[in-house]
């Protein structure tokens, strides 16, 4: 018997990818201002990272190593990119 669609990692991977792309574009657009919009983009990326972590857990339960690797890369993108970008902006301001 197949698992229900929401218990598979596919919809969560798609949502995590969507939040990664949109959050990156928002951060790229508003990071120079260092205002509320940049903070909202970072929070959006971190929320997407939580979705990607849930995707990793579901993929591990299904023993799907390809989706696990893709989701871990999404987590790295959604956590590492805003941290690196903000560190770069901080060093420019100091």
N, C-alpha and C. Protein backbone atom coordinates (compact mmCIF):
# COMPACT_ATOMS: atom_id res chain seq x y z
N UNK A 1 0.84 -1.17 0.00
CA UNK A 1 0.00 0.00 0.00
C UNK A 1 0.89 1.25 0.00
N UNK A 2 0.70 2.15 -0.96
CA UNK A 2 1.55 3.34 -1.01
C UNK A 2 1.23 4.32 0.13
N UNK A 3 2.25 5.06 0.50
CA UNK A 3 2.10 6.05 1.57
C UNK A 3 1.31 7.25 1.06
N UNK A 4 0.58 7.93 1.95
CA UNK A 4 -0.10 9.17 1.54
C UNK A 4 0.92 10.19 1.03
N UNK A 5 0.46 11.03 0.12
CA UNK A 5 1.36 11.97 -0.55
C UNK A 5 2.06 12.92 0.42
N UNK A 6 1.37 13.34 1.46
CA UNK A 6 1.97 14.28 2.41
C UNK A 6 2.98 13.62 3.35
N UNK A 7 3.05 12.30 3.34
CA UNK A 7 4.06 11.60 4.13
C UNK A 7 5.28 11.23 3.29
N UNK A 8 5.31 11.68 2.05
CA UNK A 8 6.48 11.50 1.20
C UNK A 8 7.29 12.80 1.20
N UNK A 9 8.57 12.72 0.89
CA UNK A 9 9.39 13.94 0.94
C UNK A 9 9.21 14.88 -0.24
N UNK A 10 8.53 14.47 -1.29
CA UNK A 10 8.46 15.27 -2.51
C UNK A 10 7.80 16.64 -2.34
N UNK A 11 6.63 16.77 -1.70
CA UNK A 11 6.06 18.13 -1.59
C UNK A 11 6.90 19.05 -0.72
N UNK A 12 7.57 18.50 0.27
CA UNK A 12 8.40 19.32 1.16
C UNK A 12 9.68 19.76 0.46
N UNK A 13 10.23 18.89 -0.40
CA UNK A 13 11.40 19.28 -1.17
C UNK A 13 11.05 20.41 -2.12
N UNK A 14 9.89 20.31 -2.76
CA UNK A 14 9.47 21.37 -3.68
C UNK A 14 9.24 22.68 -2.93
N UNK A 15 8.62 22.62 -1.76
CA UNK A 15 8.40 23.83 -0.96
C UNK A 15 9.73 24.42 -0.48
N UNK A 16 10.66 23.56 -0.08
CA UNK A 16 11.97 24.04 0.36
C UNK A 16 12.73 24.69 -0.79
N UNK A 17 12.63 24.12 -1.97
CA UNK A 17 13.30 24.72 -3.13
C UNK A 17 12.67 26.06 -3.48
N UNK A 18 11.35 26.15 -3.40
CA UNK A 18 10.67 27.42 -3.67
C UNK A 18 11.11 28.49 -2.68
N UNK A 19 11.15 28.14 -1.39
CA UNK A 19 11.56 29.13 -0.39
C UNK A 19 13.02 29.51 -0.55
N UNK A 20 13.85 28.57 -1.00
CA UNK A 20 15.27 28.89 -1.22
C UNK A 20 15.44 29.89 -2.35
N UNK A 21 14.74 29.67 -3.45
CA UNK A 21 14.88 30.57 -4.59
C UNK A 21 14.29 31.95 -4.27
N UNK A 22 13.09 31.97 -3.74
CA UNK A 22 12.44 33.25 -3.44
C UNK A 22 13.19 34.00 -2.34
N UNK A 23 13.62 33.30 -1.30
CA UNK A 23 14.36 33.95 -0.23
C UNK A 23 15.70 34.50 -0.69
N UNK A 24 16.37 33.77 -1.58
CA UNK A 24 17.64 34.25 -2.12
C UNK A 24 17.43 35.49 -2.97
N UNK A 25 16.40 35.49 -3.79
CA UNK A 25 16.11 36.67 -4.61
C UNK A 25 15.75 37.87 -3.73
N UNK A 26 14.96 37.65 -2.70
CA UNK A 26 14.61 38.74 -1.78
C UNK A 26 15.84 39.27 -1.04
N UNK A 27 16.68 38.35 -0.59
CA UNK A 27 17.88 38.79 0.12
C UNK A 27 18.83 39.53 -0.81
N UNK A 28 18.96 39.06 -2.04
CA UNK A 28 19.81 39.74 -3.01
C UNK A 28 19.31 41.15 -3.29
N UNK A 29 18.00 41.30 -3.32
CA UNK A 29 17.41 42.60 -3.65
C UNK A 29 17.48 43.58 -2.48
N UNK A 30 17.24 43.11 -1.26
CA UNK A 30 17.09 44.02 -0.12
C UNK A 30 18.24 43.98 0.89
N UNK A 31 19.28 43.21 0.65
CA UNK A 31 20.34 43.07 1.66
C UNK A 31 21.14 44.35 1.84
N UNK A 32 21.33 45.12 0.79
CA UNK A 32 22.13 46.34 0.91
C UNK A 32 21.47 47.36 1.84
N UNK A 33 20.15 47.35 1.91
CA UNK A 33 19.45 48.29 2.78
C UNK A 33 19.58 47.91 4.25
N UNK A 34 19.81 46.63 4.53
CA UNK A 34 19.93 46.11 5.89
C UNK A 34 18.75 46.50 6.76
N UNK A 35 17.57 46.47 6.19
CA UNK A 35 16.37 46.85 6.92
C UNK A 35 15.49 45.65 7.23
N UNK A 36 14.22 45.94 7.42
CA UNK A 36 13.26 44.92 7.78
C UNK A 36 13.06 43.92 6.66
N UNK A 37 13.15 44.35 5.41
CA UNK A 37 12.96 43.43 4.28
C UNK A 37 14.08 42.40 4.22
N UNK A 38 15.30 42.81 4.51
CA UNK A 38 16.42 41.86 4.52
C UNK A 38 16.25 40.87 5.67
N UNK A 39 15.82 41.35 6.81
CA UNK A 39 15.57 40.45 7.94
C UNK A 39 14.46 39.46 7.62
N UNK A 40 13.40 39.93 6.96
CA UNK A 40 12.31 39.04 6.57
C UNK A 40 12.78 37.99 5.57
N UNK A 41 13.68 38.35 4.67
CA UNK A 41 14.22 37.38 3.72
C UNK A 41 15.04 36.31 4.43
N UNK A 42 15.81 36.71 5.44
CA UNK A 42 16.60 35.74 6.20
C UNK A 42 15.68 34.81 6.99
N UNK A 43 14.65 35.36 7.61
CA UNK A 43 13.68 34.52 8.34
C UNK A 43 12.97 33.57 7.38
N UNK A 44 12.65 34.04 6.18
CA UNK A 44 12.01 33.20 5.16
C UNK A 44 12.94 32.05 4.77
N UNK A 45 14.23 32.33 4.62
CA UNK A 45 15.18 31.27 4.30
C UNK A 45 15.32 30.27 5.44
N UNK A 46 15.34 30.75 6.67
CA UNK A 46 15.44 29.84 7.81
C UNK A 46 14.18 28.98 7.95
N UNK A 47 13.02 29.54 7.65
CA UNK A 47 11.78 28.74 7.67
C UNK A 47 11.85 27.66 6.58
N UNK A 48 12.38 28.02 5.43
CA UNK A 48 12.57 27.02 4.37
C UNK A 48 13.56 25.94 4.78
N UNK A 49 14.56 26.30 5.58
CA UNK A 49 15.50 25.30 6.07
C UNK A 49 14.81 24.31 7.00
N UNK A 50 13.87 24.78 7.80
CA UNK A 50 13.10 23.86 8.65
C UNK A 50 12.28 22.89 7.82
N UNK A 51 11.72 23.38 6.72
CA UNK A 51 10.97 22.49 5.82
C UNK A 51 11.92 21.48 5.19
N UNK A 52 13.12 21.92 4.81
CA UNK A 52 14.09 21.00 4.22
C UNK A 52 14.57 19.96 5.24
N UNK A 53 14.66 20.34 6.51
CA UNK A 53 15.04 19.37 7.54
C UNK A 53 13.94 18.33 7.70
N UNK A 54 12.69 18.75 7.66
CA UNK A 54 11.58 17.78 7.70
C UNK A 54 11.64 16.86 6.49
N UNK A 55 12.04 17.40 5.35
CA UNK A 55 12.20 16.60 4.14
C UNK A 55 13.30 15.56 4.32
N UNK A 56 14.39 15.94 4.97
CA UNK A 56 15.49 14.99 5.23
C UNK A 56 15.00 13.85 6.12
N UNK A 57 14.24 14.19 7.14
CA UNK A 57 13.74 13.15 8.06
C UNK A 57 12.82 12.18 7.34
N UNK A 58 11.91 12.71 6.51
CA UNK A 58 11.02 11.83 5.76
C UNK A 58 11.78 10.98 4.75
N UNK A 59 12.80 11.55 4.12
CA UNK A 59 13.59 10.78 3.15
C UNK A 59 14.41 9.70 3.85
N UNK A 60 14.90 9.99 5.05
CA UNK A 60 15.63 8.97 5.80
C UNK A 60 14.72 7.82 6.19
N UNK A 61 13.49 8.13 6.55
CA UNK A 61 12.54 7.07 6.90
C UNK A 61 12.23 6.19 5.70
N UNK A 62 12.24 6.77 4.49
CA UNK A 62 11.98 6.00 3.27
C UNK A 62 13.24 5.41 2.67
N UNK A 63 14.39 5.71 3.26
CA UNK A 63 15.70 5.24 2.79
C UNK A 63 15.97 5.66 1.35
N UNK A 64 15.70 6.92 1.06
CA UNK A 64 15.92 7.48 -0.27
C UNK A 64 17.13 8.41 -0.20
N UNK A 65 18.29 7.88 -0.52
CA UNK A 65 19.53 8.63 -0.32
C UNK A 65 19.66 9.81 -1.27
N UNK A 66 19.10 9.73 -2.46
CA UNK A 66 19.18 10.85 -3.40
C UNK A 66 18.47 12.08 -2.88
N UNK A 67 17.28 11.89 -2.35
CA UNK A 67 16.51 13.02 -1.80
C UNK A 67 17.17 13.54 -0.53
N UNK A 68 17.79 12.66 0.25
CA UNK A 68 18.49 13.11 1.46
C UNK A 68 19.61 14.07 1.09
N UNK A 69 20.39 13.71 0.07
CA UNK A 69 21.51 14.58 -0.34
C UNK A 69 20.99 15.90 -0.89
N UNK A 70 19.95 15.85 -1.72
CA UNK A 70 19.37 17.09 -2.26
C UNK A 70 18.85 17.98 -1.14
N UNK A 71 18.19 17.40 -0.18
CA UNK A 71 17.62 18.18 0.91
C UNK A 71 18.69 18.75 1.83
N UNK A 72 19.76 18.00 2.05
CA UNK A 72 20.85 18.54 2.86
C UNK A 72 21.54 19.70 2.15
N UNK A 73 21.64 19.64 0.83
CA UNK A 73 22.18 20.78 0.08
C UNK A 73 21.25 21.99 0.19
N UNK A 74 19.94 21.75 0.19
CA UNK A 74 19.00 22.86 0.37
C UNK A 74 19.14 23.48 1.76
N UNK A 75 19.33 22.63 2.77
CA UNK A 75 19.53 23.14 4.13
C UNK A 75 20.80 23.99 4.19
N UNK A 76 21.87 23.49 3.57
CA UNK A 76 23.12 24.25 3.55
C UNK A 76 22.94 25.58 2.84
N UNK A 77 22.22 25.58 1.73
CA UNK A 77 21.97 26.81 0.98
C UNK A 77 21.17 27.80 1.82
N UNK A 78 20.12 27.31 2.48
CA UNK A 78 19.21 28.21 3.17
C UNK A 78 19.75 28.70 4.51
N UNK A 79 20.73 28.03 5.06
CA UNK A 79 21.33 28.52 6.30
C UNK A 79 22.66 29.21 6.02
N UNK A 80 23.47 28.63 5.16
CA UNK A 80 24.79 29.17 4.90
C UNK A 80 24.80 30.44 4.09
N UNK A 81 23.93 30.53 3.09
CA UNK A 81 23.94 31.70 2.22
C UNK A 81 23.62 32.99 2.97
N UNK A 82 22.55 33.05 3.77
CA UNK A 82 22.30 34.31 4.48
C UNK A 82 23.38 34.65 5.50
N UNK A 83 23.96 33.63 6.13
CA UNK A 83 25.02 33.91 7.10
C UNK A 83 26.25 34.48 6.40
N UNK A 84 26.63 33.90 5.27
CA UNK A 84 27.79 34.40 4.53
C UNK A 84 27.53 35.79 3.98
N UNK A 85 26.32 36.03 3.48
CA UNK A 85 25.98 37.33 2.90
C UNK A 85 25.99 38.42 3.98
N UNK A 86 25.39 38.12 5.11
CA UNK A 86 25.35 39.12 6.17
C UNK A 86 26.74 39.36 6.77
N UNK A 87 27.58 38.33 6.83
CA UNK A 87 28.95 38.53 7.30
C UNK A 87 29.72 39.43 6.34
N UNK A 88 29.49 39.25 5.05
CA UNK A 88 30.14 40.11 4.06
C UNK A 88 29.68 41.56 4.21
N UNK A 89 28.39 41.76 4.40
CA UNK A 89 27.88 43.11 4.59
C UNK A 89 28.38 43.73 5.88
N UNK A 90 28.51 42.92 6.92
CA UNK A 90 28.99 43.44 8.20
C UNK A 90 30.44 43.92 8.07
N UNK A 91 31.26 43.15 7.36
CA UNK A 91 32.66 43.54 7.21
C UNK A 91 32.81 44.78 6.33
N UNK A 92 31.86 45.01 5.42
CA UNK A 92 31.90 46.23 4.62
C UNK A 92 31.54 47.44 5.48
N UNK A 93 30.64 47.24 6.44
CA UNK A 93 30.16 48.36 7.25
C UNK A 93 31.17 48.75 8.33
N UNK A 94 32.01 47.81 8.73
CA UNK A 94 32.95 48.08 9.83
C UNK A 94 34.19 48.77 9.35
